[in-house]
Amino acid sequence: FATLTLLDPYLPDKAPERRQKTKVIWADYDPQWNEVFEYTLPSRADPRPRSEMLLLQVYDYDMPVPGSSESDTEEYVGQVLIPLSSFVSANETSKSEATAANDHE
């Protein structure tokens, strides 16, 4: 006999240089965080490798049991991959369009 429980979803930022996460939305299958996290993406001229996708993973938060670690409170729910091209700024888009126009002249 399975017990269905409501999710308490949140999105942690698992980047090693940042330790932040969204607030937990209690008992909700359709959460809306309305929070902003800013990231600086390397330019295309930067020789370091970069991902072309943003990975967002959703976890269900469970109240910690005394003596347990924080990782014991995380239960993976799902993920979504979002192309970084959907976040291109208007300034970068206009530069790309101008470069493309100059290439055709």
PDB file of N, CA and C in Angstrom:
ATOM      1  N   PHE A   1       0.849  -1.164   0.000  1.00  0.00           N
ATOM      2  CA  PHE A   1       0.000   0.000   0.000  1.00  0.00           C
ATOM      3  C   PHE A   1       0.903   1.238   0.000  1.00  0.00           C
ATOM      4  N   ALA A   2       0.803   2.052  -1.039  1.00  0.00           N
ATOM      5  CA  ALA A   2       1.662   3.236  -1.198  1.00  0.00           C
ATOM      6  C   ALA A   2       0.991   4.464  -0.589  1.00  0.00           C
ATOM      7  N   THR A   3       1.797   5.271   0.062  1.00  0.00           N
ATOM      8  CA  THR A   3       1.314   6.523   0.620  1.00  0.00           C
ATOM      9  C   THR A   3       1.758   7.660  -0.283  1.00  0.00           C
ATOM     10  N   LEU A   4       0.826   8.460  -0.754  1.00  0.00           N
ATOM     11  CA  LEU A   4       1.158   9.609  -1.588  1.00  0.00           C
ATOM     12  C   LEU A   4       1.329  10.828  -0.697  1.00  0.00           C
ATOM     13  N   THR A   5       2.424  11.520  -0.902  1.00  0.00           N
ATOM     14  CA  THR A   5       2.668  12.733  -0.128  1.00  0.00           C
ATOM     15  C   THR A   5       2.910  13.880  -1.089  1.00  0.00           C
ATOM     16  N   LEU A   6       2.664  15.077  -0.624  1.00  0.00           N
ATOM     17  CA  LEU A   6       2.927  16.258  -1.423  1.00  0.00           C
ATOM     18  C   LEU A   6       4.422  16.524  -1.493  1.00  0.00           C
ATOM     19  N   LEU A   7       4.852  17.122  -2.589  1.00  0.00           N
ATOM     20  CA  LEU A   7       6.251  17.504  -2.736  1.00  0.00           C
ATOM     21  C   LEU A   7       6.517  18.819  -2.022  1.00  0.00           C
ATOM     22  N   ASP A   8       7.746  18.967  -1.565  1.00  0.00           N
ATOM     23  CA  ASP A   8       8.260  20.221  -1.019  1.00  0.00           C
ATOM     24  C   ASP A   8       9.469  20.579  -1.881  1.00  0.00           C
ATOM     25  N   PRO A   9       9.224  21.031  -3.133  1.00  0.00           N
ATOM     26  CA  PRO A   9      10.315  21.166  -4.095  1.00  0.00           C
ATOM     27  C   PRO A   9      11.200  22.398  -3.881  1.00  0.00           C
ATOM     28  N   TYR A  10      12.459  22.249  -4.324  1.00  0.00           N
ATOM     29  CA  TYR A  10      13.414  23.350  -4.374  1.00  0.00           C
ATOM     30  C   TYR A  10      14.464  23.003  -5.422  1.00  0.00           C
ATOM     31  N   LEU A  11      15.208  24.015  -5.879  1.00  0.00           N
ATOM     32  CA  LEU A  11      16.280  23.830  -6.855  1.00  0.00           C
ATOM     33  C   LEU A  11      17.590  24.282  -6.222  1.00  0.00           C
ATOM     34  N   PRO A  12      18.496  23.345  -5.935  1.00  0.00           N
ATOM     35  CA  PRO A  12      19.797  23.757  -5.408  1.00  0.00           C
ATOM     36  C   PRO A  12      20.737  24.153  -6.538  1.00  0.00           C
ATOM     37  N   ASP A  13      21.666  25.035  -6.258  1.00  0.00           N
ATOM     38  CA  ASP A  13      22.726  25.379  -7.195  1.00  0.00           C
ATOM     39  C   ASP A  13      23.914  24.527  -6.798  1.00  0.00           C
ATOM     40  N   LYS A  14      24.264  23.557  -7.627  1.00  0.00           N
ATOM     41  CA  LYS A  14      25.311  22.605  -7.277  1.00  0.00           C
ATOM     42  C   LYS A  14      26.679  23.025  -7.804  1.00  0.00           C
ATOM     43  N   ALA A  15      26.805  24.241  -8.328  1.00  0.00           N
ATOM     44  CA  ALA A  15      28.111  24.716  -8.797  1.00  0.00           C
ATOM     45  C   ALA A  15      29.052  24.801  -7.597  1.00  0.00           C
ATOM     46  N   PRO A  16      30.306  24.308  -7.757  1.00  0.00           N
ATOM     47  CA  PRO A  16      31.214  24.275  -6.604  1.00  0.00           C
ATOM     48  C   PRO A  16      31.515  25.639  -5.997  1.00  0.00           C
ATOM     49  N   GLU A  17      31.529  26.689  -6.824  1.00  0.00           N
ATOM     50  CA  GLU A  17      31.882  28.009  -6.301  1.00  0.00           C
ATOM     51  C   GLU A  17      30.681  28.729  -5.688  1.00  0.00           C
ATOM     52  N   ARG A  18      29.499  28.164  -5.796  1.00  0.00           N
ATOM     53  CA  ARG A  18      28.295  28.808  -5.262  1.00  0.00           C
ATOM     54  C   ARG A  18      27.515  27.785  -4.454  1.00  0.00           C
ATOM     55  N   ARG A  19      27.009  28.192  -3.348  1.00  0.00           N
ATOM     56  CA  ARG A  19      26.173  27.299  -2.541  1.00  0.00           C
ATOM     57  C   ARG A  19      24.895  28.062  -2.209  1.00  0.00           C
ATOM     58  N   GLN A  20      23.952  28.016  -3.112  1.00  0.00           N
ATOM     59  CA  GLN A  20      22.679  28.675  -2.880  1.00  0.00           C
ATOM     60  C   GLN A  20      21.577  27.777  -3.411  1.00  0.00           C
ATOM     61  N   LYS A  21      20.374  28.032  -3.004  1.00  0.00           N
ATOM     62  CA  LYS A  21      19.239  27.276  -3.511  1.00  0.00           C
ATOM     63  C   LYS A  21      17.997  28.136  -3.391  1.00  0.00           C
ATOM     64  N   THR A  22      16.992  27.754  -4.127  1.00  0.00           N
ATOM     65  CA  THR A  22      15.720  28.455  -4.021  1.00  0.00           C
ATOM     66  C   THR A  22      15.106  28.141  -2.661  1.00  0.00           C
ATOM     67  N   LYS A  23      14.117  28.920  -2.301  1.00  0.00           N
ATOM     68  CA  LYS A  23      13.387  28.580  -1.083  1.00  0.00           C
ATOM     69  C   LYS A  23      12.580  27.303  -1.358  1.00  0.00           C
ATOM     70  N   VAL A  24      12.253  26.602  -0.326  1.00  0.00           N
ATOM     71  CA  VAL A  24      11.416  25.403  -0.441  1.00  0.00           C
ATOM     72  C   VAL A  24       9.967  25.857  -0.559  1.00  0.00           C
ATOM     73  N   ILE A  25       9.262  25.313  -1.531  1.00  0.00           N
ATOM     74  CA  ILE A  25       7.819  25.583  -1.676  1.00  0.00           C
ATOM     75  C   ILE A  25       7.107  24.393  -1.037  1.00  0.00           C
ATOM     76  N   TRP A  26       6.454  24.637   0.053  1.00  0.00           N
ATOM     77  CA  TRP A  26       5.871  23.548   0.830  1.00  0.00           C
ATOM     78  C   TRP A  26       4.587  23.013   0.212  1.00  0.00           C
ATOM     79  N   ALA A  27       4.493  21.680   0.122  1.00  0.00           N
ATOM     80  CA  ALA A  27       3.272  20.953  -0.272  1.00  0.00           C
ATOM     81  C   ALA A  27       2.687  21.470  -1.579  1.00  0.00           C
ATOM     82  N   ASP A  28       3.480  21.419  -2.657  1.00  0.00           N
ATOM     83  CA  ASP A  28       3.032  21.990  -3.929  1.00  0.00           C
ATOM     84  C   ASP A  28       3.592  21.195  -5.110  1.00  0.00           C
ATOM     85  N   TYR A  29       2.697  20.749  -5.992  1.00  0.00           N
ATOM     86  CA  TYR A  29       3.118  20.053  -7.213  1.00  0.00           C
ATOM     87  C   TYR A  29       3.334  21.009  -8.374  1.00  0.00           C
ATOM     88  N   ASP A  30       3.004  22.269  -8.211  1.00  0.00           N
ATOM     89  CA  ASP A  30       3.159  23.256  -9.283  1.00  0.00           C
ATOM     90  C   ASP A  30       3.823  24.519  -8.707  1.00  0.00           C
ATOM     91  N   PRO A  31       5.081  24.385  -8.268  1.00  0.00           N
ATOM     92  CA  PRO A  31       5.722  25.516  -7.588  1.00  0.00           C
ATOM     93  C   PRO A  31       6.108  26.644  -8.533  1.00  0.00           C
ATOM     94  N   GLN A  32       6.078  27.859  -8.015  1.00  0.00           N
ATOM     95  CA  GLN A  32       6.555  29.043  -8.725  1.00  0.00           C
ATOM     96  C   GLN A  32       7.435  29.805  -7.744  1.00  0.00           C
ATOM     97  N   TRP A  33       8.738  29.882  -8.060  1.00  0.00           N
ATOM     98  CA  TRP A  33       9.687  30.465  -7.119  1.00  0.00           C
ATOM     99  C   TRP A  33       9.789  31.980  -7.236  1.00  0.00           C
ATOM    100  N   ASN A  34       9.734  32.526  -8.420  1.00  0.00           N
ATOM    101  CA  ASN A  34       9.881  33.969  -8.614  1.00  0.00           C
ATOM    102  C   ASN A  34      11.135  34.497  -7.924  1.00  0.00           C
ATOM    103  N   GLU A  35      12.247  33.788  -8.089  1.00  0.00           N
ATOM    104  CA  GLU A  35      13.541  34.184  -7.543  1.00  0.00           C
ATOM    105  C   GLU A  35      14.505  34.388  -8.707  1.00  0.00           C
ATOM    106  N   VAL A  36      15.512  35.203  -8.491  1.00  0.00           N
ATOM    107  CA  VAL A  36      16.488  35.509  -9.542  1.00  0.00           C
ATOM    108  C   VAL A  36      17.871  35.066  -9.090  1.00  0.00           C
ATOM    109  N   PHE A  37      18.561  34.337  -9.950  1.00  0.00           N
ATOM    110  CA  PHE A  37      19.953  33.973  -9.749  1.00  0.00           C
ATOM    111  C   PHE A  37      20.700  34.453 -10.984  1.00  0.00           C
ATOM    112  N   GLU A  38      21.795  35.161 -10.772  1.00  0.00           N
ATOM    113  CA  GLU A  38      22.560  35.697 -11.901  1.00  0.00           C
ATOM    114  C   GLU A  38      23.849  34.923 -12.078  1.00  0.00           C
ATOM    115  N   TYR A  39      24.178  34.641 -13.333  1.00  0.00           N
ATOM    116  CA  TYR A  39      25.395  33.934 -13.691  1.00  0.00           C
ATOM    117  C   TYR A  39      26.103  34.710 -14.788  1.00  0.00           C
ATOM    118  N   THR A  40      27.413  34.681 -14.769  1.00  0.00           N
ATOM    119  CA  THR A  40      28.197  35.282 -15.839  1.00  0.00           C
ATOM    120  C   THR A  40      28.680  34.152 -16.735  1.00  0.00           C
ATOM    121  N   LEU A  41      28.286  34.201 -17.989  1.00  0.00           N
ATOM    122  CA  LEU A  41      28.699  33.179 -18.941  1.00  0.00           C
ATOM    123  C   LEU A  41      29.970  33.628 -19.640  1.00  0.00           C
ATOM    124  N   PRO A  42      30.918  32.709 -19.844  1.00  0.00           N
ATOM    125  CA  PRO A  42      32.118  33.100 -20.585  1.00  0.00           C
ATOM    126  C   PRO A  42      31.754  33.460 -22.017  1.00  0.00           C
ATOM    127  N   SER A  43      32.498  34.392 -22.593  1.00  0.00           N
ATOM    128  CA  SER A  43      32.223  34.773 -23.979  1.00  0.00           C
ATOM    129  C   SER A  43      32.628  33.639 -24.904  1.00  0.00           C
ATOM    130  N   ARG A  44      32.137  33.672 -26.111  1.00  0.00           N
ATOM    131  CA  ARG A  44      32.492  32.635 -27.085  1.00  0.00           C
ATOM    132  C   ARG A  44      33.984  32.668 -27.408  1.00  0.00           C
ATOM    133  N   ALA A  45      34.652  33.814 -27.200  1.00  0.00           N
ATOM    134  CA  ALA A  45      36.086  33.934 -27.469  1.00  0.00           C
ATOM    135  C   ALA A  45      36.928  33.293 -26.359  1.00  0.00           C
ATOM    136  N   ASP A  46      36.323  33.019 -25.202  1.00  0.00           N
ATOM    137  CA  ASP A  46      37.037  32.422 -24.084  1.00  0.00           C
ATOM    138  C   ASP A  46      37.418  30.986 -24.455  1.00  0.00           C
ATOM    139  N   PRO A  47      38.700  30.604 -24.323  1.00  0.00           N
ATOM    140  CA  PRO A  47      39.123  29.269 -24.745  1.00  0.00           C
ATOM    141  C   PRO A  47      38.687  28.147 -23.804  1.00  0.00           C
ATOM    142  N   ARG A  48      38.223  28.493 -22.597  1.00  0.00           N
ATOM    143  CA  ARG A  48      37.798  27.442 -21.670  1.00  0.00           C
ATOM    144  C   ARG A  48      36.527  26.767 -22.177  1.00  0.00           C
ATOM    145  N   PRO A  49      36.388  25.456 -21.929  1.00  0.00           N
ATOM    146  CA  PRO A  49      35.162  24.768 -22.370  1.00  0.00           C
ATOM    147  C   PRO A  49      33.955  25.302 -21.615  1.00  0.00           C
ATOM    148  N   ARG A  50      32.827  25.315 -22.285  1.00  0.00           N
ATOM    149  CA  ARG A  50      31.607  25.763 -21.621  1.00  0.00           C
ATOM    150  C   ARG A  50      30.440  24.906 -22.077  1.00  0.00           C
ATOM    151  N   SER A  51      29.459  24.819 -21.244  1.00  0.00           N
ATOM    152  CA  SER A  51      28.268  24.064 -21.569  1.00  0.00           C
ATOM    153  C   SER A  51      27.334  24.963 -22.379  1.00  0.00           C
ATOM    154  N   GLU A  52      26.591  24.377 -23.267  1.00  0.00           N
ATOM    155  CA  GLU A  52      25.612  25.130 -24.050  1.00  0.00           C
ATOM    156  C   GLU A  52      24.207  24.975 -23.466  1.00  0.00           C
ATOM    157  N   MET A  53      24.117  24.294 -22.323  1.00  0.00           N
ATOM    158  CA  MET A  53      22.823  24.034 -21.702  1.00  0.00           C
ATOM    159  C   MET A  53      22.870  24.393 -20.213  1.00  0.00           C
ATOM    160  N   LEU A  54      21.736  24.826 -19.695  1.00  0.00           N
ATOM    161  CA  LEU A  54      21.578  25.054 -18.261  1.00  0.00           C
ATOM    162  C   LEU A  54      20.794  23.859 -17.723  1.00  0.00           C
ATOM    163  N   LEU A  55      21.350  23.180 -16.744  1.00  0.00           N
ATOM    164  CA  LEU A  55      20.698  22.031 -16.132  1.00  0.00           C
ATOM    165  C   LEU A  55      20.066  22.469 -14.818  1.00  0.00           C
ATOM    166  N   LEU A  56      18.768  22.317 -14.713  1.00  0.00           N
ATOM    167  CA  LEU A  56      18.050  22.593 -13.463  1.00  0.00           C
ATOM    168  C   LEU A  56      17.522  21.275 -12.931  1.00  0.00           C
ATOM    169  N   GLN A  57      17.862  20.975 -11.697  1.00  0.00           N
ATOM    170  CA  GLN A  57      17.400  19.749 -11.055  1.00  0.00           C
ATOM    171  C   GLN A  57      16.493  20.110  -9.890  1.00  0.00           C
ATOM    172  N   VAL A  58      15.388  19.400  -9.782  1.00  0.00           N
ATOM    173  CA  VAL A  58      14.412  19.642  -8.724  1.00  0.00           C
ATOM    174  C   VAL A  58      14.544  18.530  -7.684  1.00  0.00           C
ATOM    175  N   TYR A  59      14.552  18.949  -6.420  1.00  0.00           N
ATOM    176  CA  TYR A  59      14.618  18.002  -5.317  1.00  0.00           C
ATOM    177  C   TYR A  59      13.442  18.230  -4.384  1.00  0.00           C
ATOM    178  N   ASP A  60      13.056  17.170  -3.693  1.00  0.00           N
ATOM    179  CA  ASP A  60      12.017  17.239  -2.668  1.00  0.00           C
ATOM    180  C   ASP A  60      12.714  17.339  -1.321  1.00  0.00           C
ATOM    181  N   TYR A  61      12.355  18.348  -0.536  1.00  0.00           N
ATOM    182  CA  TYR A  61      12.972  18.550   0.770  1.00  0.00           C
ATOM    183  C   TYR A  61      12.177  17.791   1.829  1.00  0.00           C
ATOM    184  N   ASP A  62      12.891  17.045   2.644  1.00  0.00           N
ATOM    185  CA  ASP A  62      12.278  16.387   3.798  1.00  0.00           C
ATOM    186  C   ASP A  62      12.955  16.918   5.048  1.00  0.00           C
ATOM    187  N   MET A  63      12.195  17.130   6.085  1.00  0.00           N
ATOM    188  CA  MET A  63      12.756  17.640   7.337  1.00  0.00           C
ATOM    189  C   MET A  63      13.846  16.691   7.824  1.00  0.00           C
ATOM    190  N   PRO A  64      14.992  17.249   8.230  1.00  0.00           N
ATOM    191  CA  PRO A  64      16.078  16.382   8.700  1.00  0.00           C
ATOM    192  C   PRO A  64      15.724  15.676  10.017  1.00  0.00           C
ATOM    193  N   VAL A  65      16.169  14.457  10.098  1.00  0.00           N
ATOM    194  CA  VAL A  65      16.031  13.685  11.338  1.00  0.00           C
ATOM    195  C   VAL A  65      17.254  14.009  12.186  1.00  0.00           C
ATOM    196  N   PRO A  66      17.121  14.194  13.472  1.00  0.00           N
ATOM    197  CA  PRO A  66      18.296  14.494  14.300  1.00  0.00           C
ATOM    198  C   PRO A  66      19.419  13.490  14.030  1.00  0.00           C
ATOM    199  N   GLY A  67      20.628  14.025  13.787  1.00  0.00           N
ATOM    200  CA  GLY A  67      21.789  13.191  13.507  1.00  0.00           C
ATOM    201  C   GLY A  67      22.010  12.899  12.044  1.00  0.00           C
ATOM    202  N   SER A  68      21.081  13.343  11.159  1.00  0.00           N
ATOM    203  CA  SER A  68      21.255  13.102   9.721  1.00  0.00           C
ATOM    204  C   SER A  68      21.952  14.295   9.083  1.00  0.00           C
ATOM    205  N   SER A  69      22.532  14.062   7.906  1.00  0.00           N
ATOM    206  CA  SER A  69      23.188  15.153   7.186  1.00  0.00           C
ATOM    207  C   SER A  69      22.179  15.839   6.274  1.00  0.00           C
ATOM    208  N   GLU A  70      22.558  17.033   5.750  1.00  0.00           N
ATOM    209  CA  GLU A  70      21.653  17.764   4.864  1.00  0.00           C
ATOM    210  C   GLU A  70      21.353  16.960   3.608  1.00  0.00           C
ATOM    211  N   SER A  71      22.349  16.184   3.127  1.00  0.00           N
ATOM    212  CA  SER A  71      22.121  15.407   1.903  1.00  0.00           C
ATOM    213  C   SER A  71      21.062  14.326   2.116  1.00  0.00           C
ATOM    214  N   ASP A  72      20.833  13.937   3.365  1.00  0.00           N
ATOM    215  CA  ASP A  72      19.788  12.953   3.651  1.00  0.00           C
ATOM    216  C   ASP A  72      18.392  13.538   3.461  1.00  0.00           C
ATOM    217  N   THR A  73      18.294  14.869   3.382  1.00  0.00           N
ATOM    218  CA  THR A  73      16.992  15.509   3.242  1.00  0.00           C
ATOM    219  C   THR A  73      16.621  15.735   1.782  1.00  0.00           C
ATOM    220  N   GLU A  74      17.533  15.402   0.853  1.00  0.00           N
ATOM    221  CA  GLU A  74      17.294  15.630  -0.573  1.00  0.00           C
ATOM    222  C   GLU A  74      16.804  14.357  -1.250  1.00  0.00           C
ATOM    223  N   GLU A  75      15.711  14.489  -1.990  1.00  0.00           N
ATOM    224  CA  GLU A  75      15.233  13.386  -2.816  1.00  0.00           C
ATOM    225  C   GLU A  75      15.047  13.927  -4.233  1.00  0.00           C
ATOM    226  N   TYR A  76      15.788  13.369  -5.180  1.00  0.00           N
ATOM    227  CA  TYR A  76      15.747  13.817  -6.569  1.00  0.00           C
ATOM    228  C   TYR A  76      14.347  13.605  -7.145  1.00  0.00           C
ATOM    229  N   VAL A  77      13.811  14.639  -7.805  1.00  0.00           N
ATOM    230  CA  VAL A  77      12.480  14.563  -8.411  1.00  0.00           C
ATOM    231  C   VAL A  77      12.572  14.536  -9.933  1.00  0.00           C
ATOM    232  N   GLY A  78      13.392  15.421 -10.515  1.00  0.00           N
ATOM    233  CA  GLY A  78      13.506  15.477 -11.974  1.00  0.00           C
ATOM    234  C   GLY A  78      14.412  16.615 -12.392  1.00  0.00           C
ATOM    235  N   GLN A  79      14.544  16.786 -13.707  1.00  0.00           N
ATOM    236  CA  GLN A  79      15.423  17.832 -14.217  1.00  0.00           C
ATOM    237  C   GLN A  79      14.924  18.326 -15.571  1.00  0.00           C
ATOM    238  N   VAL A  80      15.463  19.485 -15.956  1.00  0.00           N
ATOM    239  CA  VAL A  80      15.178  20.054 -17.265  1.00  0.00           C
ATOM    240  C   VAL A  80      16.470  20.682 -17.789  1.00  0.00           C
ATOM    241  N   LEU A  81      16.716  20.538 -19.086  1.00  0.00           N
ATOM    242  CA  LEU A  81      17.845  21.184 -19.754  1.00  0.00           C
ATOM    243  C   LEU A  81      17.306  22.341 -20.580  1.00  0.00           C
ATOM    244  N   ILE A  82      17.892  23.525 -20.388  1.00  0.00           N
ATOM    245  CA  ILE A  82      17.449  24.719 -21.116  1.00  0.00           C
ATOM    246  C   ILE A  82      18.627  25.237 -21.933  1.00  0.00           C
ATOM    247  N   PRO A  83      18.456  25.417 -23.257  1.00  0.00           N
ATOM    248  CA  PRO A  83      19.557  25.954 -24.072  1.00  0.00           C
ATOM    249  C   PRO A  83      19.936  27.358 -23.617  1.00  0.00           C
ATOM    250  N   LEU A  84      21.247  27.592 -23.466  1.00  0.00           N
ATOM    251  CA  LEU A  84      21.704  28.926 -23.062  1.00  0.00           C
ATOM    252  C   LEU A  84      21.358  29.974 -24.105  1.00  0.00           C
ATOM    253  N   SER A  85      21.161  29.566 -25.338  1.00  0.00           N
ATOM    254  CA  SER A  85      20.808  30.528 -26.385  1.00  0.00           C
ATOM    255  C   SER A  85      19.496  31.232 -26.077  1.00  0.00           C
ATOM    256  N   SER A  86      18.653  30.638 -25.246  1.00  0.00           N
ATOM    257  CA  SER A  86      17.388  31.292 -24.884  1.00  0.00           C
ATOM    258  C   SER A  86      17.608  32.432 -23.900  1.00  0.00           C
ATOM    259  N   PHE A  87      18.841  32.582 -23.379  1.00  0.00           N
ATOM    260  CA  PHE A  87      19.152  33.635 -22.424  1.00  0.00           C
ATOM    261  C   PHE A  87      20.035  34.725 -23.015  1.00  0.00           C
ATOM    262  N   VAL A  88      20.267  34.707 -24.309  1.00  0.00           N
ATOM    263  CA  VAL A  88      21.142  35.700 -24.939  1.00  0.00           C
ATOM    264  C   VAL A  88      20.548  37.083 -24.733  1.00  0.00           C
ATOM    265  N   SER A  89      21.394  38.011 -24.312  1.00  0.00           N
ATOM    266  CA  SER A  89      20.907  39.366 -24.053  1.00  0.00           C
ATOM    267  C   SER A  89      20.598  40.083 -25.357  1.00  0.00           C
ATOM    268  N   ALA A  90      19.783  41.117 -25.279  1.00  0.00           N
ATOM    269  CA  ALA A  90      19.436  41.909 -26.460  1.00  0.00           C
ATOM    270  C   ALA A  90      20.687  42.530 -27.050  1.00  0.00           C
ATOM    271  N   ASN A  91      21.618  42.968 -26.221  1.00  0.00           N
ATOM    272  CA  ASN A  91      22.856  43.582 -26.676  1.00  0.00           C
ATOM    273  C   ASN A  91      23.679  42.575 -27.487  1.00  0.00           C
ATOM    274  N   GLU A  92      23.811  41.331 -26.974  1.00  0.00           N
ATOM    275  CA  GLU A  92      24.570  40.313 -27.681  1.00  0.00           C
ATOM    276  C   GLU A  92      23.876  39.932 -28.981  1.00  0.00           C
ATOM    277  N   THR A  93      22.538  39.890 -28.976  1.00  0.00           N
ATOM    278  CA  THR A  93      21.792  39.575 -30.193  1.00  0.00           C
ATOM    279  C   THR A  93      22.021  40.639 -31.257  1.00  0.00           C
ATOM    280  N   SER A  94      21.983  41.910 -30.876  1.00  0.00           N
ATOM    281  CA  SER A  94      22.171  42.973 -31.865  1.00  0.00           C
ATOM    282  C   SER A  94      23.592  42.948 -32.418  1.00  0.00           C
ATOM    283  N   LYS A  95      24.592  42.597 -31.574  1.00  0.00           N
ATOM    284  CA  LYS A  95      25.964  42.469 -32.059  1.00  0.00           C
ATOM    285  C   LYS A  95      26.061  41.330 -33.061  1.00  0.00           C
ATOM    286  N   SER A  96      25.406  40.210 -32.786  1.00  0.00           N
ATOM    287  CA  SER A  96      25.422  39.055 -33.693  1.00  0.00           C
ATOM    288  C   SER A  96      24.772  39.408 -35.007  1.00  0.00           C
ATOM    289  N   GLU A  97      23.655  40.131 -34.970  1.00  0.00           N
ATOM    290  CA  GLU A  97      22.964  40.520 -36.190  1.00  0.00           C
ATOM    291  C   GLU A  97      23.807  41.475 -37.006  1.00  0.00           C
ATOM    292  N   ALA A  98      24.487  42.403 -36.321  1.00  0.00           N
ATOM    293  CA  ALA A  98      25.348  43.358 -37.033  1.00  0.00           C
ATOM    294  C   ALA A  98      26.519  42.635 -37.685  1.00  0.00           C
ATOM    295  N   THR A  99      27.103  41.669 -36.998  1.00  0.00           N
ATOM    296  CA  THR A  99      28.212  40.890 -37.558  1.00  0.00           C
ATOM    297  C   THR A  99      27.728  40.103 -38.769  1.00  0.00           C
ATOM    298  N   ALA A 100      26.562  39.490 -38.674  1.00  0.00           N
ATOM    299  CA  ALA A 100      26.018  38.713 -39.781  1.00  0.00           C
ATOM    300  C   ALA A 100      25.734  39.629 -40.979  1.00  0.00           C
ATOM    301  N   ALA A 101      25.217  40.825 -40.726  1.00  0.00           N
ATOM    302  CA  ALA A 101      24.920  41.764 -41.807  1.00  0.00           C
ATOM    303  C   ALA A 101      26.223  42.195 -42.496  1.00  0.00           C
ATOM    304  N   ASN A 102      27.277  42.458 -41.710  1.00  0.00           N
ATOM    305  CA  ASN A 102      28.561  42.853 -42.280  1.00  0.00           C
ATOM    306  C   ASN A 102      29.198  41.737 -43.089  1.00  0.00           C
ATOM    307  N   ASP A 103      28.970  40.482 -42.683  1.00  0.00           N
ATOM    308  CA  ASP A 103      29.516  39.348 -43.410  1.00  0.00           C
ATOM    309  C   ASP A 103      28.899  39.200 -44.788  1.00  0.00           C
ATOM    310  N   HIS A 104      27.661  39.681 -44.960  1.00  0.00           N
ATOM    311  CA  HIS A 104      26.964  39.553 -46.248  1.00  0.00           C
ATOM    312  C   HIS A 104      27.206  40.717 -47.188  1.00  0.00           C
ATOM    313  N   GLU A 105      27.916  41.732 -46.719  1.00  0.00           N
ATOM    314  CA  GLU A 105      28.154  42.902 -47.566  1.00  0.00           C
ATOM    315  C   GLU A 105      29.305  42.654 -48.507  1.00  0.00           C
TER     316      GLU A 105
END
